[in-house]
């Protein structure tokens, strides 16, 4: 499970002054929990199923990266405009549209016959999630009066944590029970229930002060820039059909489009990303910390299930259970961590928390292939969960208080988008590291010449097929497992370094005391 900062904070962005009827509020809360769970759980559940998906379609790391990144790309790029669309056109309407798109895309994922179809369906899921995620939270703001909103937030957060804890285990169990396709098809009854309850009880709401124009130009430029960067990094890691020079040019083109995006946003009357927000040192520092820390977290947690299944030989169910210690620590410690800001200010927890997370990343490094689950995974996930618990609540508070109350919803949306963007770039960028380390480690382990080519042995190769390779299959399988573990160790080491870098951001850029919406 990846816990994103400022999810709850999105609801503070404003709502209608008149809440809905009291007897409708429990149903409204249930709808928002179900809708949010569709999007939040899907990423981690799919990660557990990736080795089986790669095996069925004959793909490798490139396919597994795009199954995750096609979803993350559309979600990260369109999250802000999805919230703005709800304010302008109606939150329930846009939320229901998102749920419907997500359901249709899930059906397409479950029925996909080729890898290309699956990736396209995952992108469509990301589009649906970009509409439903911000508006599920905004609906709470409109439906509940201020006196009851805190309890609604707590209920939403509690049930979301439970669903997130059970999601990966359920996903791994479904993979072991029948087929990876069930991971997607199980979304259909949840989406149907969500839509039915939404049409029955959720009232419509919108923001009367919202801008009248949507920043479609910014949205298109954001998608193009991120797609080019992601394609370039993914291709470099896999060694795909395009030459490296062409991939580098695509990456440079993505950077150029990103600069155009920033230029357009600076001159837009209703930008999806108001650059003036970053004049606040605390806001900029918090988002920089988010970028580094969630890059590390997303990258390591992407490669963890693959490593557990392929290098250690665990089942998909056990790989899903690896996320449970992390989630439980987050759930039980977050309330306590929320009080750290009032007692010690922002700087201390936002320095100590990432440093604890760095230790968690380092604990992934020692175990050898086939090490017991309780030694290879659980200690690292417990420490990592503690580090994130210490960090997330103070980080969210700093983001929310760095700007005026009227900008709180936008501030939280930007921070949430930054965390998801970091995950997108992490899966693509660390894939380059994993592929390079895997190739070099395999060459060393098999004592092959430096120029040896291993076209059929790449990171994510299906170890179940090794019995087709003849008498040396056992030795080759052991070498592949060791090389995959070396790749994961390199990823974990980079994750630890980035966590330390985020701790430095906390120490040098965070205020000593809690901010109180200091900027008007």
Protein backbone atom coordinates (compact mmCIF):
# COMPACT_ATOMS: atom_id res chain seq x y z
CA UNK A 1 0.00 0.00 0.00
CA UNK A 2 1.25 3.48 -0.83
CA UNK A 3 -0.27 6.05 1.47
CA UNK A 4 -0.51 9.38 -0.30
CA UNK A 5 -0.28 12.64 1.63
CA UNK A 6 -3.12 15.13 1.79
CA UNK A 7 -5.87 12.77 0.59
CA UNK A 8 -8.09 13.91 3.43
CA UNK A 9 -7.11 17.51 2.90
CA UNK A 10 -8.79 17.74 -0.47
CA UNK A 11 -12.18 18.00 1.21
CA UNK A 12 -11.19 21.30 2.81
CA UNK A 13 -11.23 23.01 -0.53
CA UNK A 14 -14.76 24.24 -0.03
CA UNK A 15 -18.27 23.03 -0.57
CA UNK A 16 -21.83 24.15 -0.62
CA UNK A 17 -22.88 26.00 2.54
CA UNK A 18 -25.97 23.78 2.93
CA UNK A 19 -25.17 20.12 3.71
CA UNK A 20 -27.35 17.23 2.57
CA UNK A 21 -30.15 15.67 4.65
CA UNK A 22 -29.00 13.82 7.77
CA UNK A 23 -30.48 10.48 6.73
CA UNK A 24 -28.51 10.60 3.46
CA UNK A 25 -25.10 11.24 5.03
CA UNK A 26 -24.24 7.61 5.95
CA UNK A 27 -24.92 6.56 2.36
CA UNK A 28 -22.86 9.49 1.05
CA UNK A 29 -19.96 8.41 3.24
CA UNK A 30 -20.27 4.81 2.08
CA UNK A 31 -20.24 5.93 -1.56
CA UNK A 32 -17.06 7.96 -1.06
CA UNK A 33 -15.34 5.06 0.71
CA UNK A 34 -16.27 2.60 -2.04
CA UNK A 35 -15.25 5.00 -4.80
CA UNK A 36 -11.91 5.88 -3.22
CA UNK A 37 -11.16 2.22 -2.54
CA UNK A 38 -11.53 1.37 -6.22
CA UNK A 39 -8.70 3.68 -7.16
CA UNK A 40 -6.46 3.43 -4.11
CA UNK A 41 -6.36 -0.36 -3.83
CA UNK A 42 -6.04 -1.05 -7.55
CA UNK A 43 -2.42 0.04 -7.84
CA UNK A 44 -1.07 -2.27 -5.14
CA UNK A 45 -3.29 -5.22 -6.07
CA UNK A 46 -2.08 -5.05 -9.67
CA UNK A 47 1.55 -4.94 -8.52
CA UNK A 48 1.09 -8.30 -6.80
CA UNK A 49 -0.29 -9.78 -10.04
CA UNK A 50 2.46 -8.42 -12.30
CA UNK A 51 4.69 -11.54 -12.47
CA UNK A 52 1.73 -13.68 -13.60
CA UNK A 53 0.63 -11.04 -16.12
CA UNK A 54 4.15 -10.84 -17.53
CA UNK A 55 4.32 -14.61 -17.80
CA UNK A 56 1.00 -14.93 -19.65
CA UNK A 57 1.78 -12.25 -22.22
CA UNK A 58 5.42 -13.18 -22.64
CA UNK A 59 6.47 -9.74 -21.48
CA UNK A 60 9.20 -8.62 -19.14
CA UNK A 61 10.03 -5.56 -17.07
CA UNK A 62 8.86 -3.23 -19.84
CA UNK A 63 5.33 -4.68 -19.80
CA UNK A 64 5.14 -4.72 -16.00
CA UNK A 65 6.24 -1.08 -15.87
CA UNK A 66 3.60 0.02 -18.37
CA UNK A 67 0.81 -1.91 -16.65
CA UNK A 68 1.52 0.30 -13.63
CA UNK A 69 2.56 3.50 -15.37
CA UNK A 70 -0.26 3.70 -17.90
CA UNK A 71 -2.61 4.02 -14.93
CA UNK A 72 -0.35 6.35 -12.95
CA UNK A 73 0.32 8.60 -15.96
CA UNK A 74 -3.30 9.60 -16.55
CA UNK A 75 -4.06 9.81 -12.83
CA UNK A 76 -1.09 12.04 -12.02
CA UNK A 77 -1.54 14.31 -15.04
CA UNK A 78 -5.31 14.77 -14.74
CA UNK A 79 -5.89 14.68 -10.99
CA UNK A 80 -6.07 18.46 -10.64
CA UNK A 81 -8.28 18.99 -13.66
CA UNK A 82 -10.58 16.21 -12.43
CA UNK A 83 -11.16 18.15 -9.22
CA UNK A 84 -11.71 21.38 -11.14
CA UNK A 85 -14.22 19.64 -13.42
CA UNK A 86 -16.23 18.57 -10.37
CA UNK A 87 -16.30 22.11 -9.00
CA UNK A 88 -17.52 23.42 -12.35
CA UNK A 89 -19.84 20.71 -13.71
CA UNK A 90 -21.00 19.02 -10.49
CA UNK A 91 -19.08 16.74 -8.16
CA UNK A 92 -21.53 13.85 -8.21
CA UNK A 93 -21.77 13.96 -12.00
CA UNK A 94 -17.99 13.88 -12.50
CA UNK A 95 -17.54 11.31 -9.72
CA UNK A 96 -20.13 8.98 -11.31
CA UNK A 97 -18.50 9.47 -14.70
CA UNK A 98 -15.18 8.47 -13.19
CA UNK A 99 -16.63 5.36 -11.55
CA UNK A 100 -18.32 4.32 -14.81
CA UNK A 101 -15.11 4.79 -16.81
CA UNK A 102 -13.15 2.89 -14.18
CA UNK A 103 -15.63 0.00 -14.30
CA UNK A 104 -15.60 -0.25 -18.10
CA UNK A 105 -11.81 -0.09 -18.09
CA UNK A 106 -11.67 -2.84 -15.43
CA UNK A 107 -13.86 -5.05 -17.63
CA UNK A 108 -11.51 -4.38 -20.56
CA UNK A 109 -8.51 -5.25 -18.37
CA UNK A 110 -10.13 -8.52 -17.34
CA UNK A 111 -10.90 -9.47 -20.94
CA UNK A 112 -7.67 -8.16 -22.54
CA UNK A 113 -6.21 -10.57 -25.08
CA UNK A 114 -2.90 -8.77 -25.66
CA UNK A 115 -0.44 -6.80 -23.61
CA UNK A 116 -1.22 -3.69 -25.65
CA UNK A 117 -4.92 -3.97 -24.83
CA UNK A 118 -4.15 -4.33 -21.14
CA UNK A 119 -1.93 -1.24 -21.10
CA UNK A 120 -4.57 0.79 -22.96
CA UNK A 121 -7.26 -0.38 -20.53
CA UNK A 122 -5.05 0.58 -17.58
CA UNK A 123 -4.66 4.07 -19.04
CA UNK A 124 -8.46 4.33 -19.24
CA UNK A 125 -8.63 3.26 -15.59
CA UNK A 126 -6.28 6.13 -14.75
CA UNK A 127 -8.60 8.56 -16.53
CA UNK A 128 -11.56 7.31 -14.50
CA UNK A 129 -9.58 7.52 -11.25
CA UNK A 130 -8.58 11.12 -12.01
CA UNK A 131 -12.28 12.01 -12.06
CA UNK A 132 -13.45 9.98 -9.06
CA UNK A 133 -10.60 10.46 -6.55
CA UNK A 134 -10.75 14.24 -5.95
CA UNK A 135 -14.53 14.39 -6.21
CA UNK A 136 -15.13 11.57 -3.75
CA UNK A 137 -13.45 13.76 -1.15
CA UNK A 138 -15.12 16.98 -2.27
CA UNK A 139 -18.52 15.29 -1.92
CA UNK A 140 -17.85 14.82 1.81
CA UNK A 141 -17.19 18.53 2.17
CA UNK A 142 -20.51 19.38 0.54
CA UNK A 143 -22.56 16.74 2.38
CA UNK A 144 -21.42 17.16 5.99
CA UNK A 145 -21.61 20.27 8.16
CA UNK A 146 -18.38 21.46 9.73
CA UNK A 147 -19.37 20.06 13.14
CA UNK A 148 -19.59 16.51 11.72
CA UNK A 149 -16.90 16.71 9.08
CA UNK A 150 -14.06 15.58 11.34
CA UNK A 151 -15.91 12.40 12.29
CA UNK A 152 -16.68 11.75 8.63
CA UNK A 153 -13.02 12.18 7.75
CA UNK A 154 -12.01 9.74 10.48
CA UNK A 155 -14.53 7.14 9.32
CA UNK A 156 -13.46 7.53 5.70
CA UNK A 157 -9.78 7.26 6.61
CA UNK A 158 -10.33 4.24 8.89
CA UNK A 159 -12.31 2.19 6.38
CA UNK A 160 -9.92 3.19 3.60
CA UNK A 161 -7.01 1.91 5.69
CA UNK A 162 -8.78 -1.40 6.33
CA UNK A 163 -9.59 -1.81 2.64
CA UNK A 164 -6.02 -0.95 1.68
CA UNK A 165 -4.67 -3.48 4.18
CA UNK A 166 -6.86 -6.29 2.86
CA UNK A 167 -6.58 -5.35 -0.83
CA UNK A 168 -3.11 -6.77 -1.63
CA UNK A 169 -3.83 -9.97 0.30
CA UNK A 170 -7.11 -10.40 -1.58
CA UNK A 171 -5.33 -9.71 -4.86
CA UNK A 172 -2.63 -12.28 -4.19
CA UNK A 173 -5.25 -14.82 -3.12
CA UNK A 174 -7.24 -14.24 -6.33
CA UNK A 175 -4.09 -14.73 -8.41
CA UNK A 176 -3.25 -17.99 -6.63
CA UNK A 177 -6.90 -19.13 -6.67
CA UNK A 178 -7.72 -18.64 -10.32
CA UNK A 179 -6.49 -15.89 -12.59
CA UNK A 180 -4.99 -12.41 -12.50
CA UNK A 181 -8.06 -11.29 -14.44
CA UNK A 182 -10.16 -11.62 -11.28
CA UNK A 183 -8.11 -8.76 -9.78
CA UNK A 184 -9.78 -6.43 -12.30
CA UNK A 185 -13.18 -8.08 -12.63
CA UNK A 186 -13.83 -7.83 -8.89
CA UNK A 187 -14.08 -4.05 -9.40
CA UNK A 188 -17.32 -4.44 -11.36
CA UNK A 189 -19.75 -5.27 -8.52
CA UNK A 190 -18.12 -2.63 -6.31
CA UNK A 191 -18.52 0.00 -9.04
CA UNK A 192 -22.14 -1.04 -9.67
CA UNK A 193 -22.97 -0.70 -5.97
CA UNK A 194 -21.22 2.66 -5.82
CA UNK A 195 -23.16 4.05 -8.79
CA UNK A 196 -26.48 2.73 -7.54
CA UNK A 197 -26.07 4.29 -4.10
CA UNK A 198 -24.75 7.52 -5.60
CA UNK A 199 -27.76 8.02 -7.86
CA UNK A 200 -30.07 7.12 -4.98
CA UNK A 201 -28.75 9.28 -2.17
CA UNK A 202 -25.80 11.55 -3.07
CA UNK A 203 -26.91 15.13 -3.79
CA UNK A 204 -25.29 17.22 -6.50
CA UNK A 205 -22.95 20.03 -5.49
CA UNK A 206 -20.63 22.47 -7.23
CA UNK A 207 -18.49 25.49 -6.44
CA UNK A 208 -20.21 28.74 -7.41
CA UNK A 209 -16.86 30.55 -7.36
CA UNK A 210 -15.06 28.10 -9.65
CA UNK A 211 -13.49 29.38 -12.84
CA UNK A 212 -15.64 29.04 -15.92
CA UNK A 213 -12.90 27.66 -18.16
CA UNK A 214 -11.11 24.32 -17.92
CA UNK A 215 -7.37 24.24 -18.47
CA UNK A 216 -7.49 21.59 -21.19
CA UNK A 217 -4.31 22.94 -22.80
CA UNK A 218 -2.42 22.40 -19.56
CA UNK A 219 -3.89 18.93 -19.15
CA UNK A 220 -2.88 17.83 -22.66
CA UNK A 221 0.62 19.24 -22.28
CA UNK A 222 1.03 17.50 -18.90
CA UNK A 223 -0.01 14.13 -20.37
CA UNK A 224 2.31 14.53 -23.38
CA UNK A 225 5.30 15.58 -21.27
CA UNK A 226 4.91 12.79 -18.74
CA UNK A 227 4.21 10.19 -21.45
CA UNK A 228 7.38 11.13 -23.35
CA UNK A 229 9.53 11.05 -20.21
CA UNK A 230 8.05 7.75 -19.07
CA UNK A 231 8.41 6.12 -22.50
CA UNK A 232 12.02 7.27 -22.75
CA UNK A 233 13.02 5.96 -19.31
CA UNK A 234 11.14 2.69 -19.74
CA UNK A 235 12.68 2.07 -23.15
CA UNK A 236 16.19 2.78 -21.89
CA UNK A 237 15.74 0.24 -19.12
CA UNK A 238 14.36 -2.50 -21.35
CA UNK A 239 16.54 -1.99 -24.40
CA UNK A 240 13.53 -1.91 -26.69
CA UNK A 241 13.14 -1.66 -30.42
CA UNK A 242 14.08 2.03 -30.66
CA UNK A 243 17.78 2.97 -30.52
CA UNK A 244 19.01 4.73 -27.40
CA UNK A 245 19.63 7.96 -29.29
CA UNK A 246 15.98 8.09 -30.34
CA UNK A 247 14.84 7.35 -26.78
CA UNK A 248 17.02 10.16 -25.46
CA UNK A 249 15.53 12.54 -28.03
CA UNK A 250 12.02 11.53 -26.92
CA UNK A 251 13.03 12.23 -23.33
CA UNK A 252 14.42 15.64 -24.25
CA UNK A 253 11.21 16.33 -26.15
CA UNK A 254 9.27 15.50 -23.00
CA UNK A 255 11.35 18.00 -21.03
CA UNK A 256 10.71 20.63 -23.71
CA UNK A 257 6.96 20.02 -23.54
CA UNK A 258 7.19 20.28 -19.74
CA UNK A 259 8.75 23.73 -20.09
CA UNK A 260 5.94 24.72 -22.46
CA UNK A 261 3.44 23.45 -19.87
CA UNK A 262 4.99 25.68 -17.19
CA UNK A 263 4.93 28.65 -19.60
CA UNK A 264 1.24 28.06 -20.37
CA UNK A 265 0.37 27.68 -16.69
CA UNK A 266 2.13 30.93 -15.82
CA UNK A 267 -0.04 32.82 -18.32
CA UNK A 268 -3.38 31.04 -17.91
CA UNK A 269 -6.30 32.79 -16.22
CA UNK A 270 -7.49 29.46 -14.72
CA UNK A 271 -4.40 27.22 -14.54
CA UNK A 272 -4.60 23.66 -13.29
CA UNK A 273 -1.26 24.30 -11.53
CA UNK A 274 -0.99 27.89 -10.24
CA UNK A 275 2.77 28.46 -10.02
CA UNK A 276 2.27 31.27 -7.50
CA UNK A 277 1.65 28.59 -4.86
CA UNK A 278 5.35 27.76 -4.86
CA UNK A 279 6.32 31.20 -3.59
CA UNK A 280 5.78 29.73 -0.12
CA UNK A 281 9.05 28.19 1.06
CA UNK A 282 7.20 25.74 3.31
CA UNK A 283 4.90 24.62 0.47
CA UNK A 284 7.78 24.21 -1.99
CA UNK A 285 9.89 22.37 0.58
CA UNK A 286 7.05 20.03 1.51
CA UNK A 287 6.46 19.12 -2.13
CA UNK A 288 10.19 18.58 -2.73
CA UNK A 289 10.28 16.27 0.29
CA UNK A 290 7.20 14.48 -1.08
CA UNK A 291 8.84 14.06 -4.48
CA UNK A 292 11.98 12.41 -3.09
CA UNK A 293 10.34 10.25 -0.42
CA UNK A 294 7.46 8.97 -2.57
CA UNK A 295 9.85 8.33 -5.47
CA UNK A 296 11.74 6.00 -3.13
CA UNK A 297 8.62 4.41 -1.63
CA UNK A 298 6.81 3.84 -4.94
CA UNK A 299 9.90 2.43 -6.64
CA UNK A 300 10.77 -0.03 -3.89
CA UNK A 301 7.18 -1.20 -3.41
CA UNK A 302 6.84 -1.76 -7.17
CA UNK A 303 9.81 -4.13 -7.26
CA UNK A 304 9.11 -5.81 -3.90
CA UNK A 305 6.33 -8.24 -4.98
CA UNK A 306 8.21 -9.14 -8.16
CA UNK A 307 11.33 -9.90 -6.11
CA UNK A 308 9.38 -11.88 -3.52
CA UNK A 309 7.70 -14.07 -6.13
CA UNK A 310 10.54 -14.53 -8.61
CA UNK A 311 13.70 -14.29 -6.46
CA UNK A 312 12.47 -15.71 -3.14
CA UNK A 313 9.85 -18.09 -4.54
CA UNK A 314 6.93 -16.86 -2.41
CA UNK A 315 3.31 -17.20 -3.48
CA UNK A 316 1.30 -14.21 -4.69
CA UNK A 317 -0.80 -14.37 -1.51
CA UNK A 318 2.31 -14.07 0.67
CA UNK A 319 3.60 -11.25 -1.53
CA UNK A 320 0.32 -9.42 -0.93
CA UNK A 321 0.58 -10.07 2.81
CA UNK A 322 3.92 -8.25 2.84
CA UNK A 323 2.04 -4.95 2.70
CA UNK A 324 0.04 -5.73 5.84
CA UNK A 325 2.73 -4.78 8.43
CA UNK A 326 3.30 -1.46 6.69
CA UNK A 327 -0.41 -0.67 6.58
CA UNK A 328 -1.09 -1.65 10.18
CA UNK A 329 1.75 0.48 11.51
CA UNK A 330 0.49 3.41 9.43
CA UNK A 331 -3.06 2.92 10.70
CA UNK A 332 -2.18 2.65 14.39
CA UNK A 333 0.60 5.25 14.51
CA UNK A 334 -0.81 8.03 12.32
CA UNK A 335 -3.00 9.53 15.05
CA UNK A 336 -0.05 9.66 17.46
CA UNK A 337 2.18 11.10 14.73
CA UNK A 338 -0.36 13.85 14.09
CA UNK A 339 0.39 15.27 17.55
CA UNK A 340 4.14 15.49 16.89
CA UNK A 341 3.69 18.73 14.96
CA UNK A 342 2.10 20.51 17.90
CA UNK A 343 4.72 19.22 20.36
CA UNK A 344 7.92 19.55 18.34
CA UNK A 345 7.11 21.65 15.29
CA UNK A 346 7.46 20.53 11.68
CA UNK A 347 11.22 20.23 11.33
CA UNK A 348 11.89 17.37 13.75
CA UNK A 349 9.28 14.80 12.57
CA UNK A 350 9.95 15.64 8.91
CA UNK A 351 13.62 14.94 9.48
CA UNK A 352 13.35 11.90 11.75
CA UNK A 353 10.52 10.23 9.80
CA UNK A 354 12.38 10.01 6.46
CA UNK A 355 15.53 8.83 8.26
CA UNK A 356 13.55 5.96 9.83
CA UNK A 357 12.18 5.17 6.36
CA UNK A 358 15.77 5.08 5.05
CA UNK A 359 16.62 2.42 7.64
CA UNK A 360 13.58 0.46 6.48
CA UNK A 361 14.83 0.53 2.88
CA UNK A 362 18.28 -0.64 4.00
CA UNK A 363 16.77 -3.63 5.84
CA UNK A 364 15.67 -5.04 2.46
CA UNK A 365 19.31 -5.48 1.40
CA UNK A 366 20.77 -8.33 3.57
CA UNK A 367 18.38 -11.28 2.88
CA UNK A 368 19.55 -13.94 0.41
CA UNK A 369 17.32 -15.74 -2.13
CA UNK A 370 14.78 -17.97 -0.42
CA UNK A 371 15.18 -16.29 2.98
CA UNK A 372 12.26 -16.77 5.41
CA UNK A 373 9.41 -14.30 4.97
CA UNK A 374 9.64 -13.10 8.58
CA UNK A 375 13.29 -12.14 8.14
CA UNK A 376 13.40 -10.91 4.54
CA UNK A 377 10.33 -8.66 4.48
CA UNK A 378 8.53 -8.07 7.78
CA UNK A 379 11.23 -6.12 9.70
CA UNK A 380 11.82 -3.79 6.77
CA UNK A 381 8.11 -3.15 6.26
CA UNK A 382 7.53 -2.47 9.96
CA UNK A 383 10.34 0.10 10.11
CA UNK A 384 9.31 1.61 6.79
CA UNK A 385 5.72 1.93 8.02
CA UNK A 386 6.91 3.67 11.19
CA UNK A 387 8.98 6.15 9.17
CA UNK A 388 6.07 6.96 6.88
CA UNK A 389 3.65 7.25 9.82
CA UNK A 390 5.91 9.80 11.49
CA UNK A 391 6.14 11.73 8.21
CA UNK A 392 2.72 11.73 6.54
CA UNK A 393 0.53 13.53 9.10
CA UNK A 394 2.99 16.40 9.79
CA UNK A 395 3.72 16.69 6.06
CA UNK A 396 0.01 16.96 5.22
CA UNK A 397 -0.47 19.59 7.92
CA UNK A 398 2.43 21.70 6.66
CA UNK A 399 1.04 21.57 3.13
CA UNK A 400 -2.44 22.56 4.25
CA UNK A 401 -1.25 25.40 6.51
CA UNK A 402 1.41 26.81 4.19
CA UNK A 403 -1.26 28.63 2.16
CA UNK A 404 -4.48 30.43 2.94
CA UNK A 405 -7.60 28.49 3.94
CA UNK A 406 -9.21 29.32 0.57
CA UNK A 407 -6.31 27.57 -1.20
CA UNK A 408 -6.20 24.49 1.03
CA UNK A 409 -8.04 22.21 -1.39
CA UNK A 410 -5.79 23.24 -4.26
CA UNK A 411 -2.68 22.89 -2.07
CA UNK A 412 -3.60 19.36 -1.06
CA UNK A 413 -4.45 18.46 -4.66
CA UNK A 414 -1.04 19.66 -5.87
CA UNK A 415 0.75 17.70 -3.14
CA UNK A 416 -1.26 14.58 -3.94
CA UNK A 417 -0.43 14.97 -7.63
CA UNK A 418 3.28 15.39 -6.80
CA UNK A 419 3.26 12.13 -4.80
CA UNK A 420 1.65 10.26 -7.70
CA UNK A 421 3.98 11.88 -10.23
CA UNK A 422 6.96 10.73 -8.18
CA UNK A 423 5.62 7.17 -8.31
CA UNK A 424 5.24 7.35 -12.08
CA UNK A 425 8.82 8.52 -12.56
CA UNK A 426 10.14 6.04 -9.99
CA UNK A 427 8.78 2.95 -11.73
CA UNK A 428 10.19 4.13 -15.06
CA UNK A 429 13.51 5.51 -13.78
CA UNK A 430 14.39 2.74 -11.34
CA UNK A 431 13.52 0.23 -14.04
CA UNK A 432 16.64 1.41 -15.86
CA UNK A 433 18.72 0.68 -12.76
CA UNK A 434 17.10 -2.71 -12.20
CA UNK A 435 17.64 -3.82 -15.81
CA UNK A 436 21.29 -2.70 -15.94
CA UNK A 437 22.18 -4.28 -12.59
CA UNK A 438 20.39 -7.50 -13.55
CA UNK A 439 22.26 -7.85 -16.84
CA UNK A 440 25.67 -7.15 -15.32
CA UNK A 441 25.04 -9.41 -12.31
CA UNK A 442 23.92 -12.28 -14.53
CA UNK A 443 26.99 -11.94 -16.72
CA UNK A 444 29.23 -12.03 -13.64
CA UNK A 445 27.40 -14.96 -12.04
CA UNK A 446 27.54 -17.06 -15.21
CA UNK A 447 31.13 -15.98 -15.98
CA UNK A 448 30.10 -14.80 -19.45
CA UNK A 449 32.19 -12.47 -21.59
CA UNK A 450 31.46 -8.73 -21.26
CA UNK A 451 29.81 -8.58 -24.71
CA UNK A 452 27.46 -11.48 -24.06
CA UNK A 453 23.85 -10.99 -25.12
CA UNK A 454 21.02 -12.52 -23.10
CA UNK A 455 17.89 -11.61 -25.08
CA UNK A 456 15.67 -14.15 -23.32
CA UNK A 457 16.94 -13.51 -19.80
CA UNK A 458 15.86 -10.10 -18.61
CA UNK A 459 14.60 -8.76 -15.34
CA UNK A 460 11.19 -10.32 -14.81
CA UNK A 461 11.92 -13.49 -16.80
CA UNK A 462 9.52 -16.35 -16.06
CA UNK A 463 11.50 -18.72 -13.86
CA UNK A 464 8.84 -21.41 -14.26
CA UNK A 465 10.02 -21.84 -17.85
CA UNK A 466 13.63 -22.57 -16.88
CA UNK A 467 13.07 -26.34 -17.06
CA UNK A 468 13.05 -25.96 -20.84
CA UNK A 469 16.70 -24.97 -20.91
CA UNK A 470 18.35 -28.35 -20.41
CA UNK A 471 20.84 -29.76 -17.89
CA UNK A 472 22.10 -26.39 -16.66
CA UNK A 473 18.63 -25.14 -15.79
CA UNK A 474 19.07 -25.29 -12.00
CA UNK A 475 22.32 -23.30 -12.11
CA UNK A 476 20.80 -20.77 -14.50
CA UNK A 477 17.68 -20.42 -12.36
CA UNK A 478 19.80 -19.77 -9.27
CA UNK A 479 21.81 -17.16 -11.16
CA UNK A 480 18.64 -15.40 -12.36
CA UNK A 481 17.26 -15.32 -8.81
CA UNK A 482 20.51 -13.88 -7.47
CA UNK A 483 20.67 -11.28 -10.26
CA UNK A 484 17.09 -10.19 -9.59
CA UNK A 485 17.88 -9.84 -5.90
CA UNK A 486 20.94 -7.74 -6.73
CA UNK A 487 18.69 -5.47 -8.79
CA UNK A 488 16.28 -5.06 -5.89
CA UNK A 489 19.16 -4.30 -3.53
CA UNK A 490 20.30 -1.52 -5.85
CA UNK A 491 16.75 -0.11 -5.94
CA UNK A 492 16.49 -0.29 -2.14
CA UNK A 493 19.85 1.46 -1.73
CA UNK A 494 18.72 4.29 -4.01
CA UNK A 495 15.49 4.45 -2.03
CA UNK A 496 17.46 4.86 1.20
CA UNK A 497 19.58 7.63 -0.35
CA UNK A 498 16.47 9.49 -1.54
CA UNK A 499 14.89 9.13 1.90
CA UNK A 500 17.99 10.74 3.43
CA UNK A 501 17.71 13.51 0.84
CA UNK A 502 14.09 14.07 1.83
CA UNK A 503 15.20 14.24 5.48
CA UNK A 504 17.60 17.02 4.51
CA UNK A 505 14.68 18.85 2.89
CA UNK A 506 12.81 18.47 6.16
CA UNK A 507 15.70 19.82 8.21
CA UNK A 508 16.61 22.80 6.03
CA UNK A 509 13.28 23.79 4.44
CA UNK A 510 10.61 23.01 7.03
CA UNK A 511 9.56 25.55 9.67
CA UNK A 512 10.38 24.82 13.30
CA UNK A 513 6.80 25.45 14.36
CA UNK A 514 3.45 24.45 12.89
CA UNK A 515 2.18 26.94 10.34
CA UNK A 516 -1.26 28.45 10.76
CA UNK A 517 -2.29 29.34 7.22
CA UNK A 518 0.31 32.06 7.24
CA UNK A 519 -0.23 33.26 3.72
CA UNK A 520 -3.38 34.98 2.58
